[in-house]
Protein backbone atom coordinates (compact mmCIF):
# COMPACT_ATOMS: atom_id res chain seq x y z
CA MET A 1 -0.11 -0.01 -0.18
CA THR A 2 1.33 3.39 -0.90
CA LYS A 3 0.00 6.73 0.34
CA PHE A 4 0.87 10.44 -0.35
CA THR A 5 1.11 12.81 2.49
CA LYS A 6 2.09 16.59 3.00
CA ASN A 7 4.54 17.62 5.31
CA LEU A 8 5.21 21.25 6.08
CA TRP A 9 9.00 21.80 6.45
CA GLY A 10 9.68 25.55 7.33
CA GLY A 11 6.72 26.38 5.04
CA VAL A 12 7.78 24.13 2.20
CA VAL A 13 4.99 21.77 1.08
CA ALA A 14 6.52 18.57 0.56
CA LEU A 15 4.85 15.66 -1.54
CA THR A 16 6.24 12.83 0.24
CA LEU A 17 5.74 9.17 0.04
CA THR A 18 5.12 6.69 2.86
CA ALA A 19 4.36 2.93 2.04
CA CYS A 20 3.30 -0.27 3.67
CA ALA A 21 5.38 -3.39 3.47
CA THR A 22 2.85 -6.17 4.65
CA ASP A 23 1.71 -4.71 8.01
CA SER A 24 4.46 -2.44 8.70
CA VAL A 25 4.40 1.27 7.74
CA PHE A 26 7.51 2.79 6.26
CA GLU A 27 7.58 6.30 7.99
CA ASP A 28 9.48 9.43 7.02
CA VAL A 29 12.09 10.43 9.41
CA GLU A 30 11.06 13.81 10.75
CA MET A 31 13.08 16.36 9.18
CA GLN A 32 13.68 19.79 10.23
CA PRO A 33 15.26 22.45 7.96
CA GLN A 34 18.99 22.96 8.20
CA GLU A 35 21.66 25.07 6.43
CA GLU A 36 21.94 23.72 2.94
CA ALA A 37 25.43 22.14 2.70
CA GLY A 38 26.03 23.94 -0.38
CA SER A 39 29.25 24.14 -2.39
CA GLN A 40 31.78 24.23 0.24
CA TYR A 41 30.92 20.82 1.44
CA GLN A 42 33.23 18.90 -1.05
CA THR A 43 34.83 15.55 -0.63
CA ASN A 44 33.16 12.34 -0.96
CA SER A 45 30.47 10.92 1.49
CA PHE A 46 32.25 12.65 4.57
CA ASN A 47 35.46 14.28 5.37
CA ASN A 48 37.63 11.74 7.00
CA ASN A 49 38.90 14.44 9.49
CA ASN A 50 35.36 15.68 10.32
CA SER A 51 32.48 13.59 9.47
CA GLY A 52 30.04 15.66 11.41
CA GLN A 53 27.70 14.61 14.36
CA SER A 54 23.95 14.45 14.50
CA ALA A 55 21.68 16.06 17.00
CA TRP A 56 20.76 12.71 18.15
CA TYR A 57 24.19 12.33 19.74
CA SER A 58 25.31 15.98 20.54
CA SER A 59 25.45 17.00 24.23
CA THR A 60 23.94 20.36 23.15
CA GLY A 61 21.04 18.83 21.08
CA ILE A 62 22.51 20.82 18.10
CA GLY A 63 25.00 18.78 16.20
CA TRP A 64 27.09 20.27 13.31
CA TRP A 65 27.90 19.68 9.65
CA GLY A 66 30.93 17.57 8.66
CA ASP A 67 33.15 19.27 6.26
CA ASN A 68 32.90 18.89 2.48
CA TYR A 69 30.61 17.00 0.23
CA ILE A 70 28.11 14.76 2.05
CA SER A 71 27.05 12.51 -0.76
CA PRO A 72 24.80 9.46 0.49
CA TRP A 73 26.13 7.09 -2.29
CA ASP A 74 28.14 4.73 -0.34
CA ILE A 75 28.40 1.04 -1.34
CA TRP A 76 28.93 0.24 2.33
CA TYR A 77 25.70 1.42 3.26
CA ARG A 78 23.75 -0.18 0.57
CA ASN A 79 21.45 -2.49 2.43
CA HIS A 80 23.55 -2.25 5.44
CA PRO A 81 21.91 -1.03 8.78
CA SER A 82 22.34 2.54 9.73
CA PRO A 83 24.72 3.24 12.51
CA VAL A 84 22.03 5.59 13.99
CA PRO A 85 19.95 3.41 16.45
CA GLY A 86 16.32 2.82 15.47
CA PHE A 87 16.60 3.89 11.80
CA GLY A 88 17.41 0.56 10.12
CA ILE A 89 18.48 0.74 6.44
CA LEU A 90 18.51 4.17 4.95
CA GLN A 91 18.71 4.85 1.14
CA PRO A 92 19.62 8.03 -0.81
CA TRP A 93 16.77 10.36 -1.54
CA TYR A 94 15.94 13.19 -4.04
CA TYR A 95 14.78 16.44 -2.63
CA ILE A 96 13.55 19.29 -4.85
CA THR A 97 12.17 22.59 -3.43
CA ASN A 98 10.81 25.65 -5.18
CA GLY A 99 10.46 28.38 -2.47
CA ASN A 100 8.40 28.59 0.65
CA VAL A 101 6.74 31.05 2.83
CA ASP A 102 9.93 32.61 3.95
CA ASP A 103 11.64 32.48 0.78
CA PRO A 104 8.83 32.61 -2.00
CA SER A 105 9.52 31.52 -5.62
CA ILE A 106 7.55 32.91 -8.74
CA TYR A 107 8.70 30.29 -11.18
CA ASP A 108 7.57 26.69 -11.97
CA ILE A 109 10.09 24.27 -12.74
CA ARG A 110 10.40 20.98 -14.59
CA VAL A 111 13.26 18.50 -13.90
CA TYR A 112 14.62 15.65 -16.14
CA SER A 113 17.03 13.26 -14.73
CA TYR A 114 20.16 11.38 -16.14
CA VAL A 115 21.05 8.41 -14.25
CA GLY A 116 23.78 5.55 -14.29
CA LEU A 117 25.46 3.13 -12.19
CA ALA A 118 26.86 4.74 -8.99
CA TYR A 119 29.60 2.50 -8.21
CA PHE A 120 32.93 1.10 -9.59
CA ASP A 121 34.46 -2.16 -8.22
CA GLY A 122 37.99 -1.25 -9.38
CA VAL A 123 38.30 -3.29 -12.69
CA ASN A 124 36.65 -2.48 -15.80
CA ASP A 125 36.34 -6.35 -16.91
CA GLY A 126 32.65 -6.34 -17.59
CA VAL A 127 31.58 -7.51 -14.14
CA PHE A 128 30.12 -5.51 -11.60
CA ASP A 129 30.89 -6.66 -8.09
CA ASP A 130 29.07 -5.31 -5.07
CA THR A 131 32.13 -5.19 -2.43
CA ASN A 132 29.54 -4.70 0.41
CA PRO A 133 29.64 -8.00 2.38
CA HIS A 134 26.09 -7.17 3.55
CA SER A 135 24.91 -7.53 -0.05
CA PRO A 136 27.26 -9.57 -2.05
CA ASN A 137 26.52 -9.67 -5.79
CA SER A 138 28.32 -10.18 -8.88
CA ILE A 139 26.61 -9.26 -12.23
CA SER A 140 28.02 -9.75 -15.69
CA LEU A 141 27.40 -6.80 -17.95
CA THR A 142 28.66 -8.28 -21.15
CA THR A 143 25.08 -9.57 -22.07
CA ASN A 144 21.66 -7.90 -21.57
CA PHE A 145 23.22 -4.46 -20.80
CA PRO A 146 23.57 -2.79 -24.15
CA THR A 147 23.10 0.51 -22.97
CA LEU A 148 24.65 0.64 -19.58
CA TYR A 149 27.94 -1.28 -20.73
CA ALA A 150 28.20 0.59 -23.76
CA ASN A 151 31.82 1.03 -25.23
CA ASN A 152 32.92 -1.81 -22.99
CA GLN A 153 32.58 0.68 -19.80
CA GLU A 154 31.13 -0.50 -16.59
CA VAL A 155 30.19 3.20 -15.64
CA GLY A 156 29.69 6.59 -17.21
CA ASN A 157 26.99 5.34 -19.49
CA LEU A 158 23.79 7.40 -18.73
CA VAL A 159 20.06 7.37 -19.56
CA ARG A 160 17.60 10.03 -19.18
CA VAL A 161 14.47 8.68 -17.50
CA ALA A 162 11.12 8.88 -19.35
CA ASN A 163 9.41 11.19 -16.68
CA MET A 164 9.96 14.70 -15.58
CA PHE A 165 9.08 16.11 -12.35
CA THR A 166 6.80 19.47 -12.15
CA VAL A 167 7.39 21.47 -9.15
CA PRO A 168 5.09 24.41 -9.21
CA ALA A 169 6.00 27.56 -7.34
CA ASN A 170 6.41 27.32 -3.61
CA SER A 171 6.10 23.42 -3.32
CA GLY A 172 8.39 20.68 -2.92
CA LEU A 173 9.12 17.00 -3.75
CA ARG A 174 10.55 14.31 -2.11
CA LEU A 175 11.45 10.93 -3.87
CA GLU A 176 12.61 7.87 -1.65
CA ASP A 177 12.37 4.15 -1.39
CA LYS A 178 13.20 2.19 1.71
CA LEU A 179 14.79 -0.93 -0.27
CA VAL A 180 16.31 0.60 -3.56
CA HIS A 181 18.45 3.58 -4.72
CA LEU A 182 15.99 4.48 -7.53
CA PRO A 183 12.45 4.02 -6.77
CA ASP A 184 10.46 3.38 -10.19
CA GLY A 185 6.70 3.49 -10.10
CA ASN A 186 6.42 0.92 -13.07
CA ASN A 187 8.58 -1.61 -10.87
CA PRO A 188 7.46 -0.83 -7.22
CA THR A 189 9.17 -2.77 -4.33
CA PRO A 190 7.36 -3.95 -1.30
CA SER A 191 8.14 -0.67 0.40
CA ALA A 192 7.66 1.70 -2.62
CA ALA A 193 6.51 3.89 -4.87
CA LEU A 194 4.07 4.92 -7.62
CA LEU A 195 6.27 8.07 -7.76
CA GLY A 196 9.79 7.67 -9.01
CA PHE A 197 12.21 7.63 -11.95
CA ASP A 198 10.34 6.00 -14.98
CA LEU A 199 12.76 3.57 -16.59
CA ALA A 200 10.26 1.95 -18.72
CA GLY A 201 9.96 2.61 -22.54
CA ILE A 202 13.33 4.10 -22.89
CA GLY A 203 15.12 1.04 -24.47
CA LEU A 204 16.57 -0.54 -21.18
CA THR A 205 16.65 -4.35 -20.69
CA ALA A 206 14.80 -5.58 -17.57
CA GLN A 207 18.41 -6.22 -16.35
CA GLU A 208 19.49 -2.50 -16.91
CA GLN A 209 16.41 -1.45 -15.01
CA PHE A 210 17.23 -3.81 -11.90
CA LEU A 211 20.77 -2.55 -11.79
CA LEU A 212 19.65 1.04 -11.88
CA HIS A 213 16.92 0.50 -9.19
CA GLU A 214 19.53 -1.40 -6.93
CA TYR A 215 22.72 0.61 -7.51
CA GLY A 216 21.90 3.74 -9.63
CA LYS A 217 22.06 7.53 -8.90
CA VAL A 218 21.25 10.74 -10.67
CA PHE A 219 24.14 12.39 -12.01
CA PHE A 220 22.82 15.32 -13.79
CA TYR A 221 19.50 17.43 -13.93
CA GLN A 222 18.10 19.12 -16.81
CA VAL A 223 16.06 21.80 -15.27
CA GLU A 224 13.57 24.19 -17.24
CA VAL A 225 12.20 27.26 -15.42
CA TYR A 226 9.02 28.62 -16.56
CA ASP A 227 7.20 31.79 -15.61
CA SER A 228 3.65 32.21 -14.26
CA ALA A 229 2.41 32.41 -17.92
CA GLY A 230 3.90 29.27 -18.68
CA VAL A 231 6.73 30.88 -20.93
CA LEU A 232 10.19 29.10 -20.78
CA VAL A 233 12.64 31.30 -19.05
CA LEU A 234 15.62 29.07 -18.75
CA SER A 235 16.86 25.64 -19.59
CA THR A 236 20.12 24.44 -17.98
CA LEU A 237 22.01 21.19 -17.35
CA MET A 238 23.31 20.88 -13.64
CA HIS A 239 25.72 18.89 -11.62
CA PRO A 240 26.96 19.26 -8.03
CA GLU A 241 30.25 20.96 -7.34
CA ILE A 242 33.07 18.74 -6.24
CA LYS A 243 36.29 20.65 -5.59
CA THR A 244 38.35 17.98 -4.26
CA LEU A 245 38.51 16.30 -7.62
CA PRO A 246 41.66 16.71 -9.94
CA SER A 247 40.13 19.57 -11.79
CA GLY A 248 39.64 21.52 -8.29
CA PRO A 249 41.97 23.90 -6.60
CA PRO A 250 45.26 22.17 -5.63
CA HIS A 251 45.08 22.55 -2.04
CA LEU A 252 41.51 20.98 -1.81
CA ARG A 253 42.30 18.06 -3.92
CA ASP A 254 41.71 14.52 -2.25
CA GLU A 255 44.06 11.61 -3.14
CA GLY A 256 41.17 9.35 -2.54
CA TRP A 257 39.67 10.11 -5.98
CA LYS A 258 41.09 7.21 -8.33
CA PRO A 259 40.84 7.54 -12.10
CA ILE A 260 38.60 4.92 -13.74
CA LYS A 261 40.62 3.06 -16.33
CA ASP A 262 40.12 0.43 -18.77
CA LEU A 263 42.16 -2.93 -18.60
CA GLY A 264 44.88 -1.06 -20.89
CA GLY A 265 45.39 1.71 -18.16
CA ASN A 266 43.66 4.30 -20.24
CA LEU A 267 41.32 6.74 -18.19
CA LEU A 268 37.78 6.45 -19.18
CA SER A 269 35.29 9.43 -19.80
CA GLY A 270 31.45 9.93 -19.84
CA ALA A 271 29.44 11.71 -22.32
CA ILE A 272 27.90 14.71 -20.71
CA PRO A 273 24.28 14.84 -21.68
CA GLY A 274 23.10 17.25 -24.11
CA ILE A 275 26.41 18.66 -25.23
CA ALA A 276 29.25 17.41 -27.27
CA ALA A 277 31.70 17.01 -24.58
CA THR A 278 32.93 14.30 -22.34
CA ALA A 279 34.47 14.12 -18.59
CA PRO A 280 36.72 12.06 -17.13
CA LEU A 281 35.43 9.39 -14.56
CA TYR A 282 36.84 9.14 -10.92
CA TYR A 283 35.73 6.90 -7.94
CA PHE A 284 36.53 7.33 -4.27
CA HIS A 285 38.67 4.52 -3.21
CA ASP A 286 41.59 5.60 -0.54
CA THR A 287 44.19 3.00 -0.64
CA ARG A 288 46.56 4.90 1.90
CA PRO A 289 48.17 2.44 4.25
CA GLY A 290 45.90 1.84 7.28
CA VAL A 291 42.59 3.12 5.50
CA PRO A 292 39.98 0.21 5.52
CA GLN A 293 38.32 -1.13 2.36
CA ASP A 294 35.16 -0.36 3.85
CA THR A 295 33.76 3.02 5.34
CA LYS A 296 33.94 3.17 8.91
CA TRP A 297 31.86 5.58 10.85
CA ASP A 298 30.49 6.05 14.11
CA ILE A 299 27.91 8.75 14.52
CA ALA A 300 28.58 9.15 18.31
CA ALA A 301 32.32 9.69 17.55
CA PRO A 302 32.82 11.60 14.43
CA PHE A 303 36.62 12.31 15.11
CA ASP A 304 37.46 8.91 16.23
CA GLY A 305 38.76 6.90 13.18
CA ASN A 306 35.97 7.76 10.59
CA LEU A 307 37.30 6.91 7.09
CA CYS A 308 35.58 6.66 3.95
CA ASN A 309 35.68 4.36 1.02
CA SER A 310 32.60 4.81 -0.72
CA ARG A 311 33.32 3.59 -4.49
CA GLU A 312 31.03 6.30 -5.60
CA VAL A 313 31.57 7.26 -9.30
CA VAL A 314 31.53 10.91 -10.36
CA PHE A 315 32.11 13.06 -13.61
CA ASP A 316 35.00 15.50 -13.29
CA VAL A 317 32.99 18.29 -15.16
CA GLY A 318 35.20 20.95 -13.61
CA THR A 319 33.47 24.29 -14.20
CA GLY A 320 31.94 22.94 -17.45
CA VAL A 321 28.50 22.08 -15.78
CA PRO A 322 27.13 24.46 -13.43
CA HIS A 323 26.04 23.69 -9.77
CA GLU A 324 24.44 27.22 -9.37
CA VAL A 325 22.53 29.20 -12.24
CA ASP A 326 21.10 32.68 -11.99
CA ILE A 327 17.77 32.94 -13.33
CA ASP A 328 17.00 36.65 -13.32
CA GLY A 329 19.39 38.29 -10.98
CA THR A 330 17.27 37.47 -7.81
CA TYR A 331 16.25 34.02 -8.23
CA LYS A 332 18.87 31.16 -8.51
CA LEU A 333 18.90 27.49 -9.27
CA LYS A 334 21.08 25.63 -6.77
CA LEU A 335 22.06 21.81 -6.69
CA GLY A 336 23.65 20.68 -3.57
CA PHE A 337 23.05 18.18 -0.81
CA PHE A 338 20.62 18.11 2.21
CA ALA A 339 21.26 16.25 5.50
CA SER A 340 19.10 15.09 8.49
CA GLY A 341 19.96 16.29 11.72
CA GLN A 342 19.53 12.70 13.19
CA THR A 343 21.11 10.75 10.35
CA GLY A 344 23.63 13.16 8.80
CA TRP A 345 25.32 12.22 5.46
CA ILE A 346 24.16 8.52 5.36
CA ASN A 347 20.73 9.66 4.69
CA SER A 348 21.43 12.84 2.93
CA ALA A 349 19.79 13.88 -0.46
CA LEU A 350 20.46 15.43 -3.72
CA HIS A 351 18.89 18.68 -3.38
CA LEU A 352 17.81 20.99 -6.22
CA THR A 353 16.37 24.34 -5.13
CA VAL A 354 15.01 27.58 -6.43
CA THR A 355 15.84 30.35 -4.14
CA GLY A 356 15.60 34.22 -3.95
CA ARG A 357 18.47 34.39 -1.60
């Protein structure tokens, strides 16, 4: 059973999804608005020197942000119980906000999503290995994956989902599933979702749809902005900023980002949607001595031995694709991340927002 609810978060009307699996109800974690992470949070999953602390454990009841990029895509936490007591398994989610009572918007937006395989196992041999011991899996991509394994590349091949999301002025949208990375209304899980990323009708095989449900992520958004008369004002491709990649400032680069190479040692690239350009592909795999192969994180002790090894794949777009776009001198589009005060980065969301600030 699936039901739609409306929650008010700081004046934002958010269409959210809760669902029933047998007799149990999957409830949304109660969220309170927090300062958006923005572009200053720029390493993978969490900063190994400061992964942050949730309000759940803070002696002051406030908590604090960790440093840098707070991406939720981490193979270690795919189908792995959360280290936050009482929250079970947490999946990445997608959050789109278009103004609220405190920061009203005058625009409607339409959002198109480009998705692909979120993780790399380290060897481009045509077999994707899930390195998480809680969900071991080995999937041969050489047959039944003609789109996602194009050019003999395990990663970097993206598809645009069939549906768009329309978010009127002063409303919001939350997309989430308890069991899979990319909810899809055409293939709902026992916990899910009539609302999601429509992977049917775009030429994908059933095996490719399964791979994206289980291991996919949104890499880019194409965002269209319309005024109140329905006239197109702006259309732009967007990608989160990641300053610690090789294209970033030298003092911020993180050696944990490793180039994705073919078996001959050549750096692989992915096509940037909608433009005649490619970007090199990297994944986060810190191979320094003493760094564990899996992410280690204790929410109660953010400075005590926390280390990230998420295996997340990213495009190093540099400044070629914006994370922030001016609409009219007052309103902006921003693409960053949003984290819960109780679960921090492990239940953070890719957050697209229209703001007048």
